Amino acid sequence: MSLALFSTSSLGLALPQGATLGEGLLWHAGRWWWTDIEAATLHAWRVGDEAPRACRLPDRLGSFAHCRSGRVLLGLAKRLALATLDDGLQLSQLHTLAPVDAAETRTRVNDGRTDRHGHFVFGTLNEAPERRAIGSFYQYSTAHGLRRLALPAVAIANSICFSLDGRTMYFCDTLTQRIQQCDYDADTAQVAHIRPFTAMDRADAWPDGSVIDAEGCLWNAQWGAGRVARYDPQGRLMGVLNAPAAHATCPAIGGERMDCLMLTTARAELGRDALAAQPLSGSLFALTLPEALGVPDTLFQDQEGDTP
């Protein structure tokens, strides 16, 4: 499917929001779920509802995954935790699983998602102004705990997603303006053959969150450029969709027919003039695709003996 088939090259407003740093968008159980990282809040919204449900958390939430048990795995700033939420999305129980980079005060958990086997894979970023490449990538599983992936250090870990067969992992350091790929073994947490996937074609485009569709193509939200780009499995740019917010952060494909492309955005790092020109920054934007391209995320295996 080429983006040339669309009757428009822009995403429309789906839900007005003022997220400082909307991220981590997922479709699950009839709702869109995302985090406003700086507000330490998890949101869930069913299309047609006037407003999303919100769960305030004890720390910033970089990324998360839904579990087979119905709980939610939270990638909080410096730890992984399992959360039990009630029907109103209020936190009723929180259990810490593992600290993350406990001795390194400059980093926090950032982008992450489950691999095709139900293990949680995530990365960290350097919050210090100098943005040195001290962030890492990790896999967490119930069976093996936290394991560091043998990938290059990064300043801002992003774009984590997996090929349909689960054998290729995509990832990036946002500051390099390129997305990489590697061979990935979920059982052993081994990576190999690190190689380029694609590079940004604009100086103002910084790769953020990514997702793989049913055709094996990668959709990437590009911070600064206000767009989502689609790349074929060889990394060739197929086309772009624009949003009226410069800081596009994370795409997801879901909806009842799995044909809705949704995008989170952010207000962070926008000055007064930029916000005046882009007042919808921080909102959700959407477009109905001509085909059902959504691929459900694998639920995290939060009980030993689970199979994906």
C-alpha atoms as a PDB file:
ATOM      1  CA  MET A   1       0.000   0.000   0.000  1.00  0.00           C
ATOM      2  CA  SER A   2       1.449   3.350  -1.038  1.00  0.00           C
ATOM      3  CA  LEU A   3       0.552   6.524   0.806  1.00  0.00           C
ATOM      4  CA  ALA A   4      -0.294   7.941  -2.613  1.00  0.00           C
ATOM      5  CA  LEU A   5      -3.609   6.071  -2.264  1.00  0.00           C
ATOM      6  CA  PHE A   6      -4.745   8.461   0.472  1.00  0.00           C
ATOM      7  CA  SER A   7      -7.142  11.251  -0.394  1.00  0.00           C
ATOM      8  CA  THR A   8      -5.324  13.426   2.133  1.00  0.00           C
ATOM      9  CA  SER A   9      -1.749  13.719   3.318  1.00  0.00           C
ATOM     10  CA  SER A  10      -2.704  14.944   6.788  1.00  0.00           C
ATOM     11  CA  LEU A  11      -4.001  13.472  10.012  1.00  0.00           C
ATOM     12  CA  GLY A  12      -7.085  15.047  11.579  1.00  0.00           C
ATOM     13  CA  LEU A  13      -7.767  15.918  15.204  1.00  0.00           C
ATOM     14  CA  ALA A  14      -9.049  12.907  17.165  1.00  0.00           C
ATOM     15  CA  LEU A  15      -8.925  14.173  20.757  1.00  0.00           C
ATOM     16  CA  PRO A  16      -7.882  17.635  21.968  1.00  0.00           C
ATOM     17  CA  GLN A  17      -5.284  17.285  24.711  1.00  0.00           C
ATOM     18  CA  GLY A  18      -2.507  19.346  26.218  1.00  0.00           C
ATOM     19  CA  ALA A  19       0.061  16.620  26.837  1.00  0.00           C
ATOM     20  CA  THR A  20       3.490  17.937  27.689  1.00  0.00           C
ATOM     21  CA  LEU A  21       5.041  14.736  26.353  1.00  0.00           C
ATOM     22  CA  GLY A  22       2.483  12.303  24.963  1.00  0.00           C
ATOM     23  CA  GLU A  23       4.135   8.947  24.176  1.00  0.00           C
ATOM     24  CA  GLY A  24       3.834   5.150  24.196  1.00  0.00           C
ATOM     25  CA  LEU A  25       0.551   4.902  22.274  1.00  0.00           C
ATOM     26  CA  LEU A  26      -1.106   1.443  22.192  1.00  0.00           C
ATOM     27  CA  TRP A  27      -4.471   0.013  21.140  1.00  0.00           C
ATOM     28  CA  HIS A  28      -5.821  -2.475  23.674  1.00  0.00           C
ATOM     29  CA  ALA A  29      -9.247  -3.773  24.765  1.00  0.00           C
ATOM     30  CA  GLY A  30     -11.235  -1.213  22.795  1.00  0.00           C
ATOM     31  CA  ARG A  31      -9.258   1.808  23.992  1.00  0.00           C
ATOM     32  CA  TRP A  32      -6.266   3.901  23.030  1.00  0.00           C
ATOM     33  CA  TRP A  33      -3.672   4.018  25.807  1.00  0.00           C
ATOM     34  CA  TRP A  34      -0.776   6.453  26.150  1.00  0.00           C
ATOM     35  CA  THR A  35       1.430   8.189  28.686  1.00  0.00           C
ATOM     36  CA  ASP A  36       2.040  11.863  29.300  1.00  0.00           C
ATOM     37  CA  ILE A  37       5.544  11.279  30.600  1.00  0.00           C
ATOM     38  CA  GLU A  38       6.141  14.607  32.321  1.00  0.00           C
ATOM     39  CA  ALA A  39       2.714  14.523  33.972  1.00  0.00           C
ATOM     40  CA  ALA A  40       3.356  10.992  35.316  1.00  0.00           C
ATOM     41  CA  THR A  41      -0.047   9.978  33.970  1.00  0.00           C
ATOM     42  CA  LEU A  42      -1.395   6.976  32.070  1.00  0.00           C
ATOM     43  CA  HIS A  43      -4.402   7.718  29.842  1.00  0.00           C
ATOM     44  CA  ALA A  44      -7.021   5.431  28.289  1.00  0.00           C
ATOM     45  CA  TRP A  45      -9.676   6.646  25.837  1.00  0.00           C
ATOM     46  CA  ARG A  46     -12.508   4.981  23.984  1.00  0.00           C
ATOM     47  CA  VAL A  47     -13.519   6.785  20.785  1.00  0.00           C
ATOM     48  CA  GLY A  48     -16.803   8.559  21.456  1.00  0.00           C
ATOM     49  CA  ASP A  49     -16.010   9.347  25.083  1.00  0.00           C
ATOM     50  CA  GLU A  50     -15.751  13.035  25.852  1.00  0.00           C
ATOM     51  CA  ALA A  51     -12.534  12.669  27.801  1.00  0.00           C
ATOM     52  CA  PRO A  52      -9.964   9.953  28.547  1.00  0.00           C
ATOM     53  CA  ARG A  53      -9.611   8.188  31.858  1.00  0.00           C
ATOM     54  CA  ALA A  54      -6.431   9.099  33.681  1.00  0.00           C
ATOM     55  CA  CYS A  55      -4.268   7.336  36.255  1.00  0.00           C
ATOM     56  CA  ARG A  56      -1.763   9.437  38.182  1.00  0.00           C
ATOM     57  CA  LEU A  57       1.406   7.532  38.970  1.00  0.00           C
ATOM     58  CA  PRO A  58       4.132   7.986  41.594  1.00  0.00           C
ATOM     59  CA  ASP A  59       6.754   8.718  38.917  1.00  0.00           C
ATOM     60  CA  ARG A  60       7.107   9.518  35.230  1.00  0.00           C
ATOM     61  CA  LEU A  61       6.003   6.715  32.917  1.00  0.00           C
ATOM     62  CA  GLY A  62       8.315   6.267  29.924  1.00  0.00           C
ATOM     63  CA  SER A  63       6.562   3.242  28.402  1.00  0.00           C
ATOM     64  CA  PHE A  64       4.267   0.384  29.369  1.00  0.00           C
ATOM     65  CA  ALA A  65       2.738  -2.915  28.250  1.00  0.00           C
ATOM     66  CA  HIS A  66      -0.479  -4.757  28.958  1.00  0.00           C
ATOM     67  CA  CYS A  67      -0.170  -8.150  30.668  1.00  0.00           C
ATOM     68  CA  ARG A  68      -1.866 -11.503  30.189  1.00  0.00           C
ATOM     69  CA  SER A  69      -3.217 -11.215  33.740  1.00  0.00           C
ATOM     70  CA  GLY A  70      -4.918  -7.883  33.016  1.00  0.00           C
ATOM     71  CA  ARG A  71      -2.318  -5.904  34.921  1.00  0.00           C
ATOM     72  CA  VAL A  72      -0.089  -3.259  33.326  1.00  0.00           C
ATOM     73  CA  LEU A  73       3.705  -3.365  33.247  1.00  0.00           C
ATOM     74  CA  LEU A  74       5.001   0.148  33.876  1.00  0.00           C
ATOM     75  CA  GLY A  75       8.377   1.468  32.799  1.00  0.00           C
ATOM     76  CA  LEU A  76       8.661   4.152  35.457  1.00  0.00           C
ATOM     77  CA  ALA A  77      11.627   6.522  35.435  1.00  0.00           C
ATOM     78  CA  LYS A  78      13.998   4.278  37.414  1.00  0.00           C
ATOM     79  CA  ARG A  79      12.145   0.990  37.841  1.00  0.00           C
ATOM     80  CA  LEU A  80       9.816  -1.540  36.295  1.00  0.00           C
ATOM     81  CA  ALA A  81       6.596  -2.219  38.186  1.00  0.00           C
ATOM     82  CA  LEU A  82       3.359  -4.179  37.848  1.00  0.00           C
ATOM     83  CA  ALA A  83       0.200  -2.140  38.353  1.00  0.00           C
ATOM     84  CA  THR A  84      -3.303  -3.334  39.141  1.00  0.00           C
ATOM     85  CA  LEU A  85      -5.897  -0.823  37.940  1.00  0.00           C
ATOM     86  CA  ASP A  86      -9.591  -0.770  38.798  1.00  0.00           C
ATOM     87  CA  ASP A  87     -12.391  -0.184  36.267  1.00  0.00           C
ATOM     88  CA  GLY A  88     -11.985   3.563  36.641  1.00  0.00           C
ATOM     89  CA  LEU A  89      -8.263   3.308  35.816  1.00  0.00           C
ATOM     90  CA  GLN A  90      -7.316   4.104  39.386  1.00  0.00           C
ATOM     91  CA  LEU A  91      -4.207   2.500  40.813  1.00  0.00           C
ATOM     92  CA  SER A  92      -5.088  -0.120  43.424  1.00  0.00           C
ATOM     93  CA  GLN A  93      -1.763  -1.949  43.698  1.00  0.00           C
ATOM     94  CA  LEU A  94       1.824  -1.350  42.574  1.00  0.00           C
ATOM     95  CA  HIS A  95       4.593  -3.952  42.813  1.00  0.00           C
ATOM     96  CA  THR A  96       8.199  -3.134  41.914  1.00  0.00           C
ATOM     97  CA  LEU A  97       9.860  -5.719  39.673  1.00  0.00           C
ATOM     98  CA  ALA A  98      13.360  -4.370  39.086  1.00  0.00           C
ATOM     99  CA  PRO A  99      15.370  -1.165  39.427  1.00  0.00           C
ATOM    100  CA  VAL A 100      16.770   0.328  36.212  1.00  0.00           C
ATOM    101  CA  ASP A 101      20.188   2.028  36.098  1.00  0.00           C
ATOM    102  CA  ALA A 102      20.029   2.553  39.858  1.00  0.00           C
ATOM    103  CA  ALA A 103      23.610   3.880  40.052  1.00  0.00           C
ATOM    104  CA  GLU A 104      23.220   6.275  37.115  1.00  0.00           C
ATOM    105  CA  THR A 105      21.262   9.382  38.125  1.00  0.00           C
ATOM    106  CA  ARG A 106      21.227  10.915  34.641  1.00  0.00           C
ATOM    107  CA  THR A 107      19.073   8.298  32.915  1.00  0.00           C
ATOM    108  CA  ARG A 108      15.400   7.341  32.936  1.00  0.00           C
ATOM    109  CA  VAL A 109      13.281   4.724  31.164  1.00  0.00           C
ATOM    110  CA  ASN A 110      12.037   5.839  27.756  1.00  0.00           C
ATOM    111  CA  ASP A 111      10.569   3.984  24.767  1.00  0.00           C
ATOM    112  CA  GLY A 112       9.571   0.316  25.023  1.00  0.00           C
ATOM    113  CA  ARG A 113       7.158  -2.414  23.936  1.00  0.00           C
ATOM    114  CA  THR A 114       6.766  -6.193  24.066  1.00  0.00           C
ATOM    115  CA  ASP A 115       8.538  -8.411  21.583  1.00  0.00           C
ATOM    116  CA  ARG A 116       6.575 -11.110  19.729  1.00  0.00           C
ATOM    117  CA  HIS A 117       7.209 -13.570  22.602  1.00  0.00           C
ATOM    118  CA  GLY A 118       5.752 -11.297  25.281  1.00  0.00           C
ATOM    119  CA  HIS A 119       8.982  -9.987  26.821  1.00  0.00           C
ATOM    120  CA  PHE A 120       9.256  -6.257  27.508  1.00  0.00           C
ATOM    121  CA  VAL A 121      12.042  -4.497  25.610  1.00  0.00           C
ATOM    122  CA  PHE A 122      12.860  -0.894  26.452  1.00  0.00           C
ATOM    123  CA  GLY A 123      15.585   1.722  26.419  1.00  0.00           C
ATOM    124  CA  THR A 124      16.793   4.594  28.552  1.00  0.00           C
ATOM    125  CA  LEU A 125      17.751   8.184  27.800  1.00  0.00           C
ATOM    126  CA  ASN A 126      20.204  10.686  29.215  1.00  0.00           C
ATOM    127  CA  GLU A 127      18.354  13.621  30.775  1.00  0.00           C
ATOM    128  CA  ALA A 128      21.497  15.696  31.382  1.00  0.00           C
ATOM    129  CA  PRO A 129      21.950  18.760  29.127  1.00  0.00           C
ATOM    130  CA  GLU A 130      25.103  17.326  27.565  1.00  0.00           C
ATOM    131  CA  ARG A 131      23.158  14.321  26.203  1.00  0.00           C
ATOM    132  CA  ARG A 132      26.096  11.930  26.176  1.00  0.00           C
ATOM    133  CA  ALA A 133      25.375   8.431  24.874  1.00  0.00           C
ATOM    134  CA  ILE A 134      24.971   6.610  28.199  1.00  0.00           C
ATOM    135  CA  GLY A 135      21.542   5.061  27.629  1.00  0.00           C
ATOM    136  CA  SER A 136      21.020   1.329  27.127  1.00  0.00           C
ATOM    137  CA  PHE A 137      18.514  -1.194  25.811  1.00  0.00           C
ATOM    138  CA  TYR A 138      17.092  -3.960  28.022  1.00  0.00           C
ATOM    139  CA  GLN A 139      14.809  -6.963  27.904  1.00  0.00           C
ATOM    140  CA  TYR A 140      12.689  -7.886  30.929  1.00  0.00           C
ATOM    141  CA  SER A 141      10.952 -11.257  31.301  1.00  0.00           C
ATOM    142  CA  THR A 142       9.395 -13.109  34.204  1.00  0.00           C
ATOM    143  CA  ALA A 143      11.680 -16.071  33.600  1.00  0.00           C
ATOM    144  CA  HIS A 144      14.995 -14.224  33.299  1.00  0.00           C
ATOM    145  CA  GLY A 145      14.485 -10.806  34.881  1.00  0.00           C
ATOM    146  CA  LEU A 146      16.340  -7.804  33.491  1.00  0.00           C
ATOM    147  CA  ARG A 147      18.934  -8.437  30.774  1.00  0.00           C
ATOM    148  CA  ARG A 148      20.919  -5.723  28.989  1.00  0.00           C
ATOM    149  CA  LEU A 149      20.974  -6.043  25.203  1.00  0.00           C
ATOM    150  CA  ALA A 150      24.395  -5.816  23.544  1.00  0.00           C
ATOM    151  CA  LEU A 151      23.518  -2.733  21.517  1.00  0.00           C
ATOM    152  CA  PRO A 152      25.477   0.528  21.238  1.00  0.00           C
ATOM    153  CA  ALA A 153      25.006   3.133  23.977  1.00  0.00           C
ATOM    154  CA  VAL A 154      22.552   5.877  23.061  1.00  0.00           C
ATOM    155  CA  ALA A 155      21.561   9.353  24.193  1.00  0.00           C
ATOM    156  CA  ILE A 156      17.828   8.840  23.566  1.00  0.00           C
ATOM    157  CA  ALA A 157      16.540   5.290  23.015  1.00  0.00           C
ATOM    158  CA  ASN A 158      13.537   5.207  20.699  1.00  0.00           C
ATOM    159  CA  SER A 159      11.775   3.485  17.795  1.00  0.00           C
ATOM    160  CA  ILE A 160      11.676   0.032  19.441  1.00  0.00           C
ATOM    161  CA  CYS A 161       9.568  -2.431  17.451  1.00  0.00           C
ATOM    162  CA  PHE A 162       9.817  -5.910  15.955  1.00  0.00           C
ATOM    163  CA  SER A 163       9.347  -7.575  12.586  1.00  0.00           C
ATOM    164  CA  LEU A 164       6.296  -9.754  12.176  1.00  0.00           C
ATOM    165  CA  ASP A 165       8.323 -12.931  12.766  1.00  0.00           C
ATOM    166  CA  GLY A 166       9.985 -11.357  15.809  1.00  0.00           C
ATOM    167  CA  ARG A 167      13.508 -12.009  14.557  1.00  0.00           C
ATOM    168  CA  THR A 168      14.420  -8.413  13.706  1.00  0.00           C
ATOM    169  CA  MET A 169      14.473  -5.573  16.226  1.00  0.00           C
ATOM    170  CA  TYR A 170      14.311  -1.943  15.125  1.00  0.00           C
ATOM    171  CA  PHE A 171      15.701   0.801  17.370  1.00  0.00           C
ATOM    172  CA  CYS A 172      17.373   4.189  17.282  1.00  0.00           C
ATOM    173  CA  ASP A 173      19.274   6.880  19.070  1.00  0.00           C
ATOM    174  CA  THR A 174      17.078   9.835  18.197  1.00  0.00           C
ATOM    175  CA  LEU A 175      20.046  12.227  18.072  1.00  0.00           C
ATOM    176  CA  THR A 176      21.689  10.280  15.216  1.00  0.00           C
ATOM    177  CA  GLN A 177      18.610  10.836  12.985  1.00  0.00           C
ATOM    178  CA  ARG A 178      18.701   7.252  11.751  1.00  0.00           C
ATOM    179  CA  ILE A 179      16.915   4.012  12.609  1.00  0.00           C
ATOM    180  CA  GLN A 180      18.882   0.783  12.929  1.00  0.00           C
ATOM    181  CA  GLN A 181      17.958  -2.899  12.936  1.00  0.00           C
ATOM    182  CA  CYS A 182      19.501  -6.086  14.264  1.00  0.00           C
ATOM    183  CA  ASP A 183      18.891  -9.802  14.486  1.00  0.00           C
ATOM    184  CA  TYR A 184      17.083 -10.553  17.752  1.00  0.00           C
ATOM    185  CA  ASP A 185      16.600 -13.748  19.757  1.00  0.00           C
ATOM    186  CA  ALA A 186      13.834 -13.325  22.324  1.00  0.00           C
ATOM    187  CA  ASP A 187      14.677 -16.435  24.335  1.00  0.00           C
ATOM    188  CA  THR A 188      18.345 -15.636  24.900  1.00  0.00           C
ATOM    189  CA  ALA A 189      18.144 -11.817  24.663  1.00  0.00           C
ATOM    190  CA  GLN A 190      20.961 -11.972  22.112  1.00  0.00           C
ATOM    191  CA  VAL A 191      21.348  -9.445  19.288  1.00  0.00           C
ATOM    192  CA  ALA A 192      23.590  -9.634  16.232  1.00  0.00           C
ATOM    193  CA  HIS A 193      24.289  -8.090  12.814  1.00  0.00           C
ATOM    194  CA  ILE A 194      23.549  -4.491  13.771  1.00  0.00           C
ATOM    195  CA  ARG A 195      22.955  -2.567  10.557  1.00  0.00           C
ATOM    196  CA  PRO A 196      21.306   0.590   9.182  1.00  0.00           C
ATOM    197  CA  PHE A 197      17.600   0.576   8.377  1.00  0.00           C
ATOM    198  CA  THR A 198      16.906   4.142   7.263  1.00  0.00           C
ATOM    199  CA  ALA A 199      18.008   7.750   7.760  1.00  0.00           C
ATOM    200  CA  MET A 200      15.888  10.869   8.052  1.00  0.00           C
ATOM    201  CA  ASP A 201      15.491  12.812   4.809  1.00  0.00           C
ATOM    202  CA  ARG A 202      15.000  16.169   6.549  1.00  0.00           C
ATOM    203  CA  ALA A 203      17.281  18.084   8.897  1.00  0.00           C
ATOM    204  CA  ASP A 204      14.375  18.851  11.251  1.00  0.00           C
ATOM    205  CA  ALA A 205      13.171  15.236  11.519  1.00  0.00           C
ATOM    206  CA  TRP A 206      14.189  13.294  14.642  1.00  0.00           C
ATOM    207  CA  PRO A 207      12.974   9.669  14.846  1.00  0.00           C
ATOM    208  CA  ASP A 208      10.723   8.950  17.819  1.00  0.00           C
ATOM    209  CA  GLY A 209       8.279   6.052  18.317  1.00  0.00           C
ATOM    210  CA  SER A 210       7.722   3.377  15.662  1.00  0.00           C
ATOM    211  CA  VAL A 211       5.339   0.516  14.952  1.00  0.00           C
ATOM    212  CA  ILE A 212       5.289  -2.341  12.420  1.00  0.00           C
ATOM    213  CA  ASP A 213       2.152  -2.893  10.323  1.00  0.00           C
ATOM    214  CA  ALA A 214       0.605  -6.061   8.849  1.00  0.00           C
ATOM    215  CA  GLU A 215       2.678  -5.691   5.671  1.00  0.00           C
ATOM    216  CA  GLY A 216       5.929  -5.542   7.629  1.00  0.00           C
ATOM    217  CA  CYS A 217       6.371  -1.826   7.014  1.00  0.00           C
ATOM    218  CA  LEU A 218       7.597   0.559   9.707  1.00  0.00           C
ATOM    219  CA  TRP A 219       5.716   3.738  10.654  1.00  0.00           C
ATOM    220  CA  ASN A 220       7.852   6.319  12.469  1.00  0.00           C
ATOM    221  CA  ALA A 221       6.767   9.522  14.236  1.00  0.00           C
ATOM    222  CA  GLN A 222       9.271  12.289  13.585  1.00  0.00           C
ATOM    223  CA  TRP A 223       9.807  14.894  16.291  1.00  0.00           C
ATOM    224  CA  GLY A 224      10.279  18.391  14.917  1.00  0.00           C
ATOM    225  CA  ALA A 225       8.922  17.582  11.466  1.00  0.00           C
ATOM    226  CA  GLY A 226       5.311  17.043  12.563  1.00  0.00           C
ATOM    227  CA  ARG A 227       4.818  13.905  10.532  1.00  0.00           C
ATOM    228  CA  VAL A 228       4.577  10.120  10.417  1.00  0.00           C
ATOM    229  CA  ALA A 229       6.654   8.376   7.745  1.00  0.00           C
ATOM    230  CA  ARG A 230       6.110   4.870   6.383  1.00  0.00           C
ATOM    231  CA  TYR A 231       9.090   2.769   5.295  1.00  0.00           C
ATOM    232  CA  ASP A 232       9.041  -0.550   3.456  1.00  0.00           C
ATOM    233  CA  PRO A 233      10.932  -3.556   4.932  1.00  0.00           C
ATOM    234  CA  GLN A 234      14.067  -2.454   3.046  1.00  0.00           C
ATOM    235  CA  GLY A 235      13.969   0.983   4.687  1.00  0.00           C
ATOM    236  CA  ARG A 236      12.776   2.897   1.631  1.00  0.00           C
ATOM    237  CA  LEU A 237      10.495   5.853   2.299  1.00  0.00           C
ATOM    238  CA  MET A 238       7.003   5.142   0.975  1.00  0.00           C
ATOM    239  CA  GLY A 239       5.359   8.411   1.996  1.00  0.00           C
ATOM    240  CA  VAL A 240       4.488  10.732   4.861  1.00  0.00           C
ATOM    241  CA  LEU A 241       1.400  11.957   6.700  1.00  0.00           C
ATOM    242  CA  ASN A 242       1.518  15.390   8.308  1.00  0.00           C
ATOM    243  CA  ALA A 243       0.071  16.562  11.627  1.00  0.00           C
ATOM    244  CA  PRO A 244      -0.596  20.143  12.799  1.00  0.00           C
ATOM    245  CA  ALA A 245       1.890  19.681  15.661  1.00  0.00           C
ATOM    246  CA  ALA A 246       5.649  19.761  15.160  1.00  0.00           C
ATOM    247  CA  HIS A 247       6.463  17.246  17.851  1.00  0.00           C
ATOM    248  CA  ALA A 248       4.989  13.969  16.610  1.00  0.00           C
ATOM    249  CA  THR A 249       5.909  11.278  19.124  1.00  0.00           C
ATOM    250  CA  CYS A 250       4.350   7.824  18.694  1.00  0.00           C
ATOM    251  CA  PRO A 251       2.095   6.141  16.103  1.00  0.00           C
ATOM    252  CA  ALA A 252      -0.172   3.141  16.606  1.00  0.00           C
ATOM    253  CA  ILE A 253      -2.611   1.301  14.355  1.00  0.00           C
ATOM    254  CA  GLY A 254      -5.776  -0.035  15.924  1.00  0.00           C
ATOM    255  CA  GLY A 255      -9.483   0.599  16.239  1.00  0.00           C
ATOM    256  CA  GLU A 256     -12.299  -1.899  15.910  1.00  0.00           C
ATOM    257  CA  ARG A 257     -11.314  -2.660  12.304  1.00  0.00           C
ATOM    258  CA  MET A 258      -7.567  -2.256  12.931  1.00  0.00           C
ATOM    259  CA  ASP A 259      -7.494   0.415  10.234  1.00  0.00           C
ATOM    260  CA  CYS A 260      -7.025   3.596  12.274  1.00  0.00           C
ATOM    261  CA  LEU A 261      -3.634   5.277  12.445  1.00  0.00           C
ATOM    262  CA  MET A 262      -3.415   7.283  15.670  1.00  0.00           C
ATOM    263  CA  LEU A 263      -0.612   9.639  16.718  1.00  0.00           C
ATOM    264  CA  THR A 264       0.419  11.239  20.010  1.00  0.00           C
ATOM    265  CA  THR A 265       2.141  14.622  20.081  1.00  0.00           C
ATOM    266  CA  ALA A 266       3.877  16.890  22.602  1.00  0.00           C
ATOM    267  CA  ARG A 267       4.038  20.496  23.745  1.00  0.00           C
ATOM    268  CA  ALA A 268       7.491  20.126  25.321  1.00  0.00           C
ATOM    269  CA  GLU A 269      10.273  22.355  23.951  1.00  0.00           C
ATOM    270  CA  LEU A 270       7.838  24.588  22.061  1.00  0.00           C
ATOM    271  CA  GLY A 271       8.114  28.308  22.763  1.00  0.00           C
ATOM    272  CA  ARG A 272       5.223  30.742  23.071  1.00  0.00           C
ATOM    273  CA  ASP A 273       5.185  31.602  19.361  1.00  0.00           C
ATOM    274  CA  ALA A 274       5.313  27.970  18.291  1.00  0.00           C
ATOM    275  CA  LEU A 275       2.457  27.044  20.630  1.00  0.00           C
ATOM    276  CA  ALA A 276       0.415  29.957  19.329  1.00  0.00           C
ATOM    277  CA  ALA A 277       0.956  28.699  15.787  1.00  0.00           C
ATOM    278  CA  GLN A 278       0.294  25.054  16.781  1.00  0.00           C
ATOM    279  CA  PRO A 279      -2.304  25.262  19.568  1.00  0.00           C
ATOM    280  CA  LEU A 280      -3.321  21.587  19.182  1.00  0.00           C
ATOM    281  CA  SER A 281       0.134  20.343  20.135  1.00  0.00           C
ATOM    282  CA  GLY A 282      -0.201  17.605  22.758  1.00  0.00           C
ATOM    283  CA  SER A 283      -3.390  16.238  21.169  1.00  0.00           C
ATOM    284  CA  LEU A 284      -4.167  12.932  19.453  1.00  0.00           C
ATOM    285  CA  PHE A 285      -4.490  12.886  15.670  1.00  0.00           C
ATOM    286  CA  ALA A 286      -5.863  10.139  13.447  1.00  0.00           C
ATOM    287  CA  LEU A 287      -6.508   8.923   9.922  1.00  0.00           C
ATOM    288  CA  THR A 288      -8.505   5.936   8.672  1.00  0.00           C
ATOM    289  CA  LEU A 289      -6.303   3.734   6.506  1.00  0.00           C
ATOM    290  CA  PRO A 290      -7.623   2.138   3.307  1.00  0.00           C
ATOM    291  CA  GLU A 291      -6.705  -1.308   4.690  1.00  0.00           C
ATOM    292  CA  ALA A 292      -6.649  -3.075   8.047  1.00  0.00           C
ATOM    293  CA  LEU A 293      -2.935  -2.836   8.848  1.00  0.00           C
ATOM    294  CA  GLY A 294      -2.925  -3.054  12.636  1.00  0.00           C
ATOM    295  CA  VAL A 295      -0.997  -5.827  14.407  1.00  0.00           C
ATOM    296  CA  PRO A 296      -1.944  -6.383  18.071  1.00  0.00           C
ATOM    297  CA  ASP A 297       0.889  -6.028  20.554  1.00  0.00           C
ATOM    298  CA  THR A 298       1.775  -9.274  22.315  1.00  0.00           C
ATOM    299  CA  LEU A 299       0.698  -9.245  25.939  1.00  0.00           C
ATOM    300  CA  PHE A 300       3.475  -9.341  28.511  1.00  0.00           C
ATOM    301  CA  GLN A 301       3.925 -12.770  30.110  1.00  0.00           C
ATOM    302  CA  ASP A 302       3.635 -11.841  33.769  1.00  0.00           C
ATOM    303  CA  GLN A 303       3.343 -15.381  35.086  1.00  0.00           C
ATOM    304  CA  GLU A 304       5.990 -18.088  34.734  1.00  0.00           C
ATOM    305  CA  GLY A 305       4.944 -20.778  32.307  1.00  0.00           C
ATOM    306  CA  ASP A 306       2.894 -18.405  30.141  1.00  0.00           C
ATOM    307  CA  THR A 307       3.187 -18.874  26.401  1.00  0.00           C
ATOM    308  CA  PRO A 308       2.607 -16.078  23.896  1.00  0.00           C
END
